[in-house]
Amino acid sequence: MADAALVFGGDLAIGVSGDLALAGGSGLTEQRVLRRLLTNPGDYIWQLSYGAGLGQFVGVAGAAGAVGAVTRAQLLAEARVAQSPLPQIAVEQTGTSGIALTIAYQDAMTGQATALTLPV
């Protein structure tokens, strides 16, 4: 099922016919993964455990382990991310308080492998 095309923190996209653009397939899964990782825990009042809140780790020294753990837990809770093979998460400390997060997962709906790299 398609959803409105809306990248976290962005604006709604306009489709070719002037209506709202839709996201489906792997694009929808990527939107859902980013939304889940960037939403603060407790902000989604209908599901308080939803969200990794990766923004809370920006500039925090030594947070690489916590970032990896919360990312793994949230990806395993996302229905559109395949549980087999398990998502691969690499967290690298860059400097004193920077973190580079690389996620490789398989879309449960399309079977397509996807990799995302996020600076935290």
N, C-alpha and C. Protein backbone atom coordinates (compact mmCIF):
# COMPACT_ATOMS: atom_id res chain seq x y z
N MET A 1 0.84 -1.18 0.00
CA MET A 1 0.00 0.00 0.00
C MET A 1 0.88 1.24 0.00
N ALA A 2 0.56 2.20 -0.81
CA ALA A 2 1.34 3.42 -0.92
C ALA A 2 1.00 4.38 0.22
N ASP A 3 1.91 5.28 0.48
CA ASP A 3 1.76 6.28 1.52
C ASP A 3 2.21 7.61 0.91
N ALA A 4 1.91 8.71 1.56
CA ALA A 4 2.36 10.00 1.06
C ALA A 4 3.89 10.05 1.06
N ALA A 5 4.45 10.63 0.02
CA ALA A 5 5.91 10.76 -0.08
C ALA A 5 6.35 11.90 0.83
N LEU A 6 6.96 11.54 1.93
CA LEU A 6 7.38 12.54 2.92
C LEU A 6 8.63 12.04 3.62
N VAL A 7 9.78 12.61 3.26
CA VAL A 7 11.03 12.27 3.93
C VAL A 7 11.05 13.02 5.26
N PHE A 8 11.48 12.36 6.32
CA PHE A 8 11.49 12.93 7.67
C PHE A 8 12.15 14.31 7.66
N GLY A 9 11.43 15.30 8.20
CA GLY A 9 11.96 16.67 8.27
C GLY A 9 11.76 17.47 7.00
N GLY A 10 11.18 16.86 5.98
CA GLY A 10 10.99 17.54 4.71
C GLY A 10 9.54 17.96 4.52
N ASP A 11 9.22 18.32 3.28
CA ASP A 11 7.87 18.73 2.92
C ASP A 11 7.20 17.64 2.10
N LEU A 12 5.89 17.67 2.05
CA LEU A 12 5.16 16.76 1.19
C LEU A 12 5.57 17.03 -0.25
N ALA A 13 5.69 15.98 -1.04
CA ALA A 13 6.07 16.11 -2.44
C ALA A 13 4.81 16.18 -3.31
N ILE A 14 4.93 16.91 -4.41
CA ILE A 14 3.82 17.05 -5.36
C ILE A 14 4.04 16.05 -6.50
N GLY A 15 2.98 15.32 -6.84
CA GLY A 15 3.04 14.34 -7.92
C GLY A 15 2.97 15.00 -9.29
N VAL A 16 3.11 14.20 -10.33
CA VAL A 16 3.13 14.72 -11.70
C VAL A 16 1.80 15.34 -12.11
N SER A 17 0.70 14.92 -11.51
CA SER A 17 -0.61 15.48 -11.87
C SER A 17 -1.04 16.60 -10.94
N GLY A 18 -0.12 17.05 -10.05
CA GLY A 18 -0.42 18.16 -9.17
C GLY A 18 -0.98 17.78 -7.82
N ASP A 19 -1.23 16.51 -7.59
CA ASP A 19 -1.71 16.05 -6.29
C ASP A 19 -0.51 15.63 -5.44
N LEU A 20 -0.76 15.07 -4.28
CA LEU A 20 0.33 14.61 -3.43
C LEU A 20 1.02 13.39 -4.04
N ALA A 21 2.34 13.40 -4.03
CA ALA A 21 3.11 12.25 -4.53
C ALA A 21 3.00 11.10 -3.53
N LEU A 22 3.05 9.90 -4.05
CA LEU A 22 2.98 8.71 -3.20
C LEU A 22 4.32 7.99 -3.20
N ALA A 23 4.60 7.34 -2.09
CA ALA A 23 5.79 6.50 -1.97
C ALA A 23 5.31 5.06 -1.82
N GLY A 24 5.96 4.18 -2.49
CA GLY A 24 5.62 2.76 -2.39
C GLY A 24 6.90 1.95 -2.52
N GLY A 25 6.79 0.66 -2.32
CA GLY A 25 7.94 -0.22 -2.47
C GLY A 25 9.08 0.13 -1.54
N SER A 26 10.30 0.08 -2.06
CA SER A 26 11.49 0.32 -1.25
C SER A 26 11.58 1.76 -0.75
N GLY A 27 11.04 2.71 -1.53
CA GLY A 27 11.03 4.10 -1.09
C GLY A 27 10.21 4.29 0.18
N LEU A 28 9.08 3.61 0.26
CA LEU A 28 8.24 3.68 1.45
C LEU A 28 8.95 3.06 2.65
N THR A 29 9.63 1.94 2.43
CA THR A 29 10.36 1.30 3.52
C THR A 29 11.46 2.22 4.04
N GLU A 30 12.19 2.85 3.15
CA GLU A 30 13.24 3.78 3.58
C GLU A 30 12.66 4.94 4.38
N GLN A 31 11.53 5.50 3.94
CA GLN A 31 10.86 6.55 4.69
C GLN A 31 10.51 6.08 6.09
N ARG A 32 9.97 4.86 6.19
CA ARG A 32 9.56 4.34 7.50
C ARG A 32 10.75 4.10 8.41
N VAL A 33 11.86 3.60 7.85
CA VAL A 33 13.07 3.37 8.65
C VAL A 33 13.60 4.70 9.18
N LEU A 34 13.72 5.70 8.31
CA LEU A 34 14.23 7.00 8.75
C LEU A 34 13.31 7.63 9.80
N ARG A 35 12.00 7.55 9.58
CA ARG A 35 11.04 8.11 10.55
C ARG A 35 11.20 7.42 11.90
N ARG A 36 11.34 6.09 11.89
CA ARG A 36 11.48 5.34 13.14
C ARG A 36 12.78 5.70 13.86
N LEU A 37 13.87 5.86 13.13
CA LEU A 37 15.16 6.15 13.75
C LEU A 37 15.25 7.58 14.26
N LEU A 38 14.55 8.51 13.65
CA LEU A 38 14.68 9.91 14.01
C LEU A 38 13.58 10.41 14.95
N THR A 39 12.50 9.63 15.12
CA THR A 39 11.44 10.01 16.06
C THR A 39 11.90 9.73 17.49
N ASN A 40 11.65 10.68 18.39
CA ASN A 40 12.03 10.50 19.79
C ASN A 40 11.09 9.50 20.47
N PRO A 41 11.65 8.62 21.32
CA PRO A 41 10.78 7.70 22.06
C PRO A 41 9.76 8.48 22.89
N GLY A 42 8.52 8.03 22.86
CA GLY A 42 7.47 8.69 23.62
C GLY A 42 6.75 9.78 22.86
N ASP A 43 7.26 10.23 21.71
CA ASP A 43 6.60 11.29 20.94
C ASP A 43 5.38 10.79 20.18
N TYR A 44 5.36 9.52 19.84
CA TYR A 44 4.22 8.94 19.14
C TYR A 44 3.30 8.37 20.21
N ILE A 45 2.27 9.13 20.57
CA ILE A 45 1.50 8.81 21.78
C ILE A 45 0.69 7.52 21.69
N TRP A 46 0.49 6.99 20.48
CA TRP A 46 -0.25 5.74 20.34
C TRP A 46 0.65 4.52 20.47
N GLN A 47 1.95 4.72 20.42
CA GLN A 47 2.90 3.62 20.58
C GLN A 47 4.16 4.20 21.21
N LEU A 48 4.21 4.24 22.51
CA LEU A 48 5.27 4.95 23.24
C LEU A 48 6.66 4.37 23.04
N SER A 49 6.76 3.09 22.64
CA SER A 49 8.07 2.49 22.42
C SER A 49 8.60 2.74 21.01
N TYR A 50 7.81 3.43 20.17
CA TYR A 50 8.21 3.71 18.80
C TYR A 50 9.26 4.81 18.78
N GLY A 51 10.33 4.61 18.05
CA GLY A 51 11.32 5.65 17.82
C GLY A 51 12.63 5.42 18.54
N ALA A 52 13.72 5.68 17.80
CA ALA A 52 15.06 5.53 18.35
C ALA A 52 15.60 6.84 18.93
N GLY A 53 15.12 7.97 18.43
CA GLY A 53 15.59 9.26 18.92
C GLY A 53 17.07 9.48 18.69
N LEU A 54 17.56 9.17 17.50
CA LEU A 54 19.00 9.29 17.25
C LEU A 54 19.51 10.72 17.44
N GLY A 55 18.65 11.70 17.33
CA GLY A 55 19.06 13.08 17.55
C GLY A 55 19.61 13.34 18.93
N GLN A 56 19.20 12.57 19.91
CA GLN A 56 19.69 12.75 21.28
C GLN A 56 21.16 12.40 21.44
N PHE A 57 21.73 11.70 20.45
CA PHE A 57 23.12 11.28 20.52
C PHE A 57 24.07 12.23 19.80
N VAL A 58 23.54 13.26 19.16
CA VAL A 58 24.38 14.21 18.43
C VAL A 58 25.31 14.92 19.42
N GLY A 59 26.61 14.83 19.16
CA GLY A 59 27.59 15.50 20.00
C GLY A 59 27.91 14.81 21.32
N VAL A 60 27.36 13.62 21.56
CA VAL A 60 27.60 12.90 22.80
C VAL A 60 28.80 11.98 22.61
N ALA A 61 29.83 12.18 23.38
CA ALA A 61 31.03 11.35 23.28
C ALA A 61 30.76 9.95 23.81
N GLY A 62 31.27 8.94 23.12
CA GLY A 62 31.17 7.56 23.58
C GLY A 62 29.80 6.94 23.45
N ALA A 63 28.94 7.45 22.57
CA ALA A 63 27.58 6.95 22.45
C ALA A 63 27.42 5.89 21.37
N ALA A 64 28.50 5.44 20.76
CA ALA A 64 28.42 4.50 19.63
C ALA A 64 27.69 3.21 20.01
N GLY A 65 27.96 2.66 21.17
CA GLY A 65 27.31 1.42 21.60
C GLY A 65 25.81 1.59 21.76
N ALA A 66 25.41 2.70 22.37
CA ALA A 66 23.98 2.96 22.57
C ALA A 66 23.27 3.19 21.23
N VAL A 67 23.93 3.89 20.31
CA VAL A 67 23.35 4.13 18.99
C VAL A 67 23.12 2.79 18.27
N GLY A 68 24.09 1.91 18.31
CA GLY A 68 23.95 0.61 17.68
C GLY A 68 22.83 -0.21 18.28
N ALA A 69 22.73 -0.21 19.60
CA ALA A 69 21.71 -1.01 20.29
C ALA A 69 20.30 -0.51 20.00
N VAL A 70 20.09 0.79 20.09
CA VAL A 70 18.75 1.33 19.87
C VAL A 70 18.36 1.22 18.39
N THR A 71 19.32 1.34 17.49
CA THR A 71 19.05 1.17 16.06
C THR A 71 18.63 -0.26 15.77
N ARG A 72 19.35 -1.22 16.31
CA ARG A 72 19.02 -2.64 16.10
C ARG A 72 17.61 -2.95 16.63
N ALA A 73 17.29 -2.49 17.82
CA ALA A 73 15.98 -2.76 18.41
C ALA A 73 14.85 -2.18 17.56
N GLN A 74 15.04 -0.97 17.06
CA GLN A 74 13.99 -0.34 16.27
C GLN A 74 13.85 -0.97 14.89
N LEU A 75 14.95 -1.38 14.27
CA LEU A 75 14.86 -2.04 12.97
C LEU A 75 14.15 -3.38 13.09
N LEU A 76 14.40 -4.10 14.17
CA LEU A 76 13.73 -5.38 14.38
C LEU A 76 12.24 -5.21 14.65
N ALA A 77 11.83 -4.02 15.10
CA ALA A 77 10.42 -3.75 15.35
C ALA A 77 9.69 -3.24 14.11
N GLU A 78 10.42 -2.89 13.05
CA GLU A 78 9.81 -2.35 11.83
C GLU A 78 9.34 -3.49 10.94
N ALA A 79 8.05 -3.53 10.65
CA ALA A 79 7.45 -4.62 9.88
C ALA A 79 7.97 -4.70 8.45
N ARG A 80 8.38 -3.60 7.88
CA ARG A 80 8.82 -3.60 6.48
C ARG A 80 10.30 -3.96 6.33
N VAL A 81 11.00 -4.19 7.44
CA VAL A 81 12.40 -4.64 7.40
C VAL A 81 12.41 -6.14 7.65
N ALA A 82 13.00 -6.89 6.72
CA ALA A 82 13.04 -8.35 6.83
C ALA A 82 13.84 -8.77 8.07
N GLN A 83 13.37 -9.80 8.73
CA GLN A 83 14.06 -10.33 9.91
C GLN A 83 15.12 -11.36 9.52
N SER A 84 15.03 -11.86 8.28
CA SER A 84 16.02 -12.80 7.78
C SER A 84 16.32 -12.43 6.33
N PRO A 85 17.52 -12.06 6.01
CA PRO A 85 18.67 -11.95 6.91
C PRO A 85 18.52 -10.75 7.85
N LEU A 86 19.15 -10.86 9.00
CA LEU A 86 19.09 -9.78 9.98
C LEU A 86 19.73 -8.52 9.43
N PRO A 87 19.19 -7.36 9.80
CA PRO A 87 19.83 -6.10 9.39
C PRO A 87 21.26 -6.02 9.94
N GLN A 88 22.16 -5.49 9.13
CA GLN A 88 23.55 -5.31 9.54
C GLN A 88 23.75 -3.84 9.91
N ILE A 89 24.32 -3.61 11.10
CA ILE A 89 24.50 -2.25 11.60
C ILE A 89 25.97 -2.06 11.95
N ALA A 90 26.57 -1.03 11.37
CA ALA A 90 27.96 -0.69 11.67
C ALA A 90 27.99 0.72 12.24
N VAL A 91 28.58 0.85 13.41
CA VAL A 91 28.69 2.15 14.06
C VAL A 91 30.17 2.46 14.22
N GLU A 92 30.57 3.62 13.72
CA GLU A 92 31.97 4.02 13.77
C GLU A 92 32.10 5.36 14.47
N GLN A 93 32.95 5.42 15.47
CA GLN A 93 33.23 6.67 16.17
C GLN A 93 34.13 7.52 15.28
N THR A 94 33.71 8.75 14.99
CA THR A 94 34.50 9.66 14.17
C THR A 94 34.85 10.87 15.02
N GLY A 95 36.09 10.99 15.39
CA GLY A 95 36.50 12.09 16.27
C GLY A 95 36.05 11.83 17.69
N THR A 96 35.95 12.87 18.48
CA THR A 96 35.60 12.71 19.89
C THR A 96 34.11 12.52 20.12
N SER A 97 33.25 13.10 19.28
CA SER A 97 31.82 12.98 19.54
C SER A 97 31.00 12.72 18.28
N GLY A 98 31.64 12.37 17.17
CA GLY A 98 30.91 12.07 15.95
C GLY A 98 30.72 10.58 15.77
N ILE A 99 29.62 10.20 15.13
CA ILE A 99 29.32 8.80 14.89
C ILE A 99 28.82 8.66 13.46
N ALA A 100 29.34 7.68 12.74
CA ALA A 100 28.84 7.33 11.42
C ALA A 100 28.09 6.01 11.54
N LEU A 101 26.83 5.99 11.16
CA LEU A 101 25.98 4.82 11.28
C LEU A 101 25.66 4.30 9.87
N THR A 102 25.99 3.05 9.61
CA THR A 102 25.67 2.42 8.33
C THR A 102 24.75 1.24 8.60
N ILE A 103 23.64 1.21 7.89
CA ILE A 103 22.62 0.18 8.06
C ILE A 103 22.41 -0.52 6.73
N ALA A 104 22.45 -1.83 6.73
CA ALA A 104 22.12 -2.62 5.54
C ALA A 104 20.98 -3.55 5.94
N TYR A 105 19.89 -3.48 5.19
CA TYR A 105 18.73 -4.31 5.51
C TYR A 105 18.07 -4.77 4.21
N GLN A 106 17.21 -5.75 4.34
CA GLN A 106 16.44 -6.24 3.20
C GLN A 106 14.99 -5.84 3.40
N ASP A 107 14.40 -5.27 2.37
CA ASP A 107 13.00 -4.86 2.40
C ASP A 107 12.13 -6.11 2.44
N ALA A 108 11.27 -6.23 3.44
CA ALA A 108 10.43 -7.41 3.60
C ALA A 108 9.35 -7.50 2.52
N MET A 109 8.98 -6.38 1.93
CA MET A 109 7.91 -6.38 0.92
C MET A 109 8.44 -6.64 -0.49
N THR A 110 9.59 -6.06 -0.82
CA THR A 110 10.11 -6.17 -2.18
C THR A 110 11.29 -7.12 -2.29
N GLY A 111 11.94 -7.43 -1.17
CA GLY A 111 13.13 -8.28 -1.18
C GLY A 111 14.40 -7.54 -1.57
N GLN A 112 14.30 -6.24 -1.83
CA GLN A 112 15.45 -5.46 -2.26
C GLN A 112 16.37 -5.13 -1.07
N ALA A 113 17.67 -5.32 -1.28
CA ALA A 113 18.66 -4.95 -0.26
C ALA A 113 18.91 -3.45 -0.34
N THR A 114 19.00 -2.80 0.80
CA THR A 114 19.19 -1.36 0.88
C THR A 114 20.24 -1.04 1.92
N ALA A 115 21.03 -0.02 1.67
CA ALA A 115 22.03 0.44 2.63
C ALA A 115 21.83 1.94 2.84
N LEU A 116 21.87 2.35 4.10
CA LEU A 116 21.76 3.76 4.46
C LEU A 116 22.97 4.13 5.31
N THR A 117 23.50 5.33 5.10
CA THR A 117 24.57 5.85 5.94
C THR A 117 24.10 7.17 6.53
N LEU A 118 24.17 7.26 7.86
CA LEU A 118 23.70 8.46 8.55
C LEU A 118 24.80 9.01 9.47
N PRO A 119 25.04 10.30 9.43
CA PRO A 119 25.93 10.88 10.45
C PRO A 119 25.10 11.17 11.70
N VAL A 120 25.61 10.84 12.86
CA VAL A 120 24.89 11.10 14.11
C VAL A 120 25.71 12.06 14.93
